[in-house]
Amino acid sequence: MAKILIVDDEEAIRDILKIFLGYRHKYLDARDGVEAITVFEKERPDLVIMDIRMPRMSGIEAVRKIKEIDPNSKIIVLTAFAEGKRDEILNAGTDKILEKPLRKSKIVSAVEELLK
């Protein structure tokens, strides 16, 4: 059972991701980048799924900070705004970028690939 940190300012998105991924994992929640870093430091999840646009701290900045804490951490970024930011998102240390709207098959496939 993997421990997955889901970071999004919309509770509905966090809930949808849990439904998509099923009950095989333990889920941790964070509403923004600041909360994500706190949860990451305490819980050390196996995988982080993070939105880019959030209050207080962007997902890109949170990815950088998480990678400073653990360079081997696995991170999937979800965004509706990848156009023009793809290089910045990848250079921050993201392992995978998935564009919204969310598609169950792509999310499940990306999670399984990174948890191998």
Protein backbone atom coordinates (compact mmCIF):
# COMPACT_ATOMS: atom_id res chain seq x y z
CA MET A 1 0.00 0.00 0.00
CA ALA A 2 1.49 3.31 -1.12
CA LYS A 3 1.13 6.59 0.72
CA ILE A 4 -0.02 9.33 -1.73
CA LEU A 5 -0.17 13.04 -0.95
CA ILE A 6 -2.85 14.80 -3.00
CA VAL A 7 -2.46 18.57 -3.19
CA ASP A 8 -5.23 20.72 -4.65
CA ASP A 9 -7.16 23.70 -3.35
CA GLU A 10 -10.40 22.09 -4.56
CA GLU A 11 -11.69 19.36 -2.26
CA ALA A 12 -13.73 17.87 -5.12
CA ILE A 13 -10.56 17.27 -7.15
CA ARG A 14 -8.87 15.58 -4.19
CA ASP A 15 -11.93 13.35 -3.76
CA ILE A 16 -12.09 12.47 -7.47
CA LEU A 17 -8.44 11.42 -7.45
CA LYS A 18 -9.05 9.11 -4.50
CA ILE A 19 -12.01 7.55 -6.28
CA PHE A 20 -9.98 7.11 -9.48
CA LEU A 21 -7.11 5.44 -7.62
CA GLY A 22 -9.32 3.24 -5.46
CA TYR A 23 -8.79 1.95 -1.95
CA ARG A 24 -5.38 0.36 -2.48
CA HIS A 25 -3.51 3.35 -1.09
CA LYS A 26 -3.34 5.57 1.98
CA TYR A 27 -4.19 9.17 1.10
CA LEU A 28 -2.94 12.38 2.62
CA ASP A 29 -4.46 15.77 1.73
CA ALA A 30 -3.15 19.30 1.43
CA ARG A 31 -4.97 22.40 0.20
CA ASP A 32 -1.93 24.33 -1.00
CA GLY A 33 1.84 24.23 -1.39
CA VAL A 34 2.55 25.39 2.15
CA GLU A 35 0.43 22.61 3.63
CA ALA A 36 1.95 20.12 1.18
CA ILE A 37 5.47 20.79 2.41
CA THR A 38 4.41 20.40 6.05
CA VAL A 39 2.64 17.10 5.32
CA PHE A 40 5.53 15.89 3.13
CA GLU A 41 8.13 16.54 5.84
CA LYS A 42 6.06 14.72 8.46
CA GLU A 43 4.71 11.79 6.43
CA ARG A 44 7.25 11.22 3.60
CA PRO A 45 4.71 9.91 1.06
CA ASP A 46 5.68 7.58 -1.77
CA LEU A 47 4.10 9.87 -4.36
CA VAL A 48 2.80 13.44 -4.59
CA ILE A 49 0.03 14.52 -6.96
CA MET A 50 -0.05 18.32 -7.10
CA ASP A 51 -1.99 21.09 -8.78
CA ILE A 52 -0.07 24.13 -10.05
CA ARG A 53 -2.44 27.02 -9.35
CA MET A 54 -3.10 27.28 -5.63
CA PRO A 55 -3.21 30.03 -3.01
CA ARG A 56 -0.22 30.90 -0.78
CA MET A 57 2.37 28.90 -2.77
CA SER A 58 2.28 27.66 -6.34
CA GLY A 59 2.66 24.00 -7.15
CA ILE A 60 5.91 24.73 -9.00
CA GLU A 61 7.45 26.33 -5.92
CA ALA A 62 6.18 23.45 -3.74
CA VAL A 63 7.70 20.89 -6.14
CA ARG A 64 11.09 22.64 -5.85
CA LYS A 65 10.93 22.63 -2.05
CA ILE A 66 9.86 18.98 -1.89
CA LYS A 67 12.74 18.03 -4.20
CA GLU A 68 15.14 19.92 -1.87
CA ILE A 69 13.84 17.83 1.03
CA ASP A 70 13.97 14.56 -0.92
CA PRO A 71 15.49 14.61 -4.42
CA ASN A 72 14.15 11.08 -5.03
CA SER A 73 10.52 11.99 -4.36
CA LYS A 74 8.04 11.15 -7.12
CA ILE A 75 5.76 13.98 -8.22
CA ILE A 76 2.89 14.21 -10.70
CA VAL A 77 1.69 17.71 -11.57
CA LEU A 78 -1.89 18.31 -12.65
CA THR A 79 -2.64 21.48 -14.56
CA ALA A 80 -5.01 23.08 -16.99
CA PHE A 81 -2.27 25.61 -17.76
CA ALA A 82 0.73 23.60 -19.04
CA GLU A 83 1.00 25.66 -22.22
CA GLY A 84 4.16 27.74 -21.96
CA LYS A 85 5.06 26.34 -18.51
CA ARG A 86 6.00 22.80 -19.44
CA ASP A 87 9.77 23.38 -19.22
CA GLU A 88 9.46 25.26 -15.93
CA ILE A 89 7.30 22.49 -14.46
CA LEU A 90 9.73 19.76 -15.55
CA ASN A 91 12.81 21.73 -14.46
CA ALA A 92 11.32 22.07 -10.98
CA GLY A 93 11.66 18.29 -10.63
CA THR A 94 8.28 17.00 -11.73
CA ASP A 95 8.25 13.40 -12.94
CA LYS A 96 5.00 13.64 -14.93
CA ILE A 97 2.63 16.35 -16.12
CA LEU A 98 -1.03 15.48 -16.60
CA GLU A 99 -3.40 18.03 -18.05
CA LYS A 100 -6.88 18.72 -16.78
CA PRO A 101 -9.61 17.73 -17.29
CA LEU A 102 -8.67 14.64 -15.33
CA ARG A 103 -8.83 11.29 -17.08
CA LYS A 104 -8.93 8.21 -14.92
CA SER A 105 -6.88 6.02 -17.27
CA LYS A 106 -4.02 8.55 -17.50
CA ILE A 107 -3.90 9.15 -13.76
CA VAL A 108 -3.98 5.45 -12.88
CA SER A 109 -1.30 4.69 -15.47
CA ALA A 110 0.99 7.52 -14.27
CA VAL A 111 0.62 6.50 -10.61
CA GLU A 112 1.32 2.83 -11.34
CA GLU A 113 4.37 3.75 -13.43
CA LEU A 114 5.90 5.96 -10.75
CA LEU A 115 5.18 3.55 -7.90
CA LYS A 116 7.01 0.64 -9.58
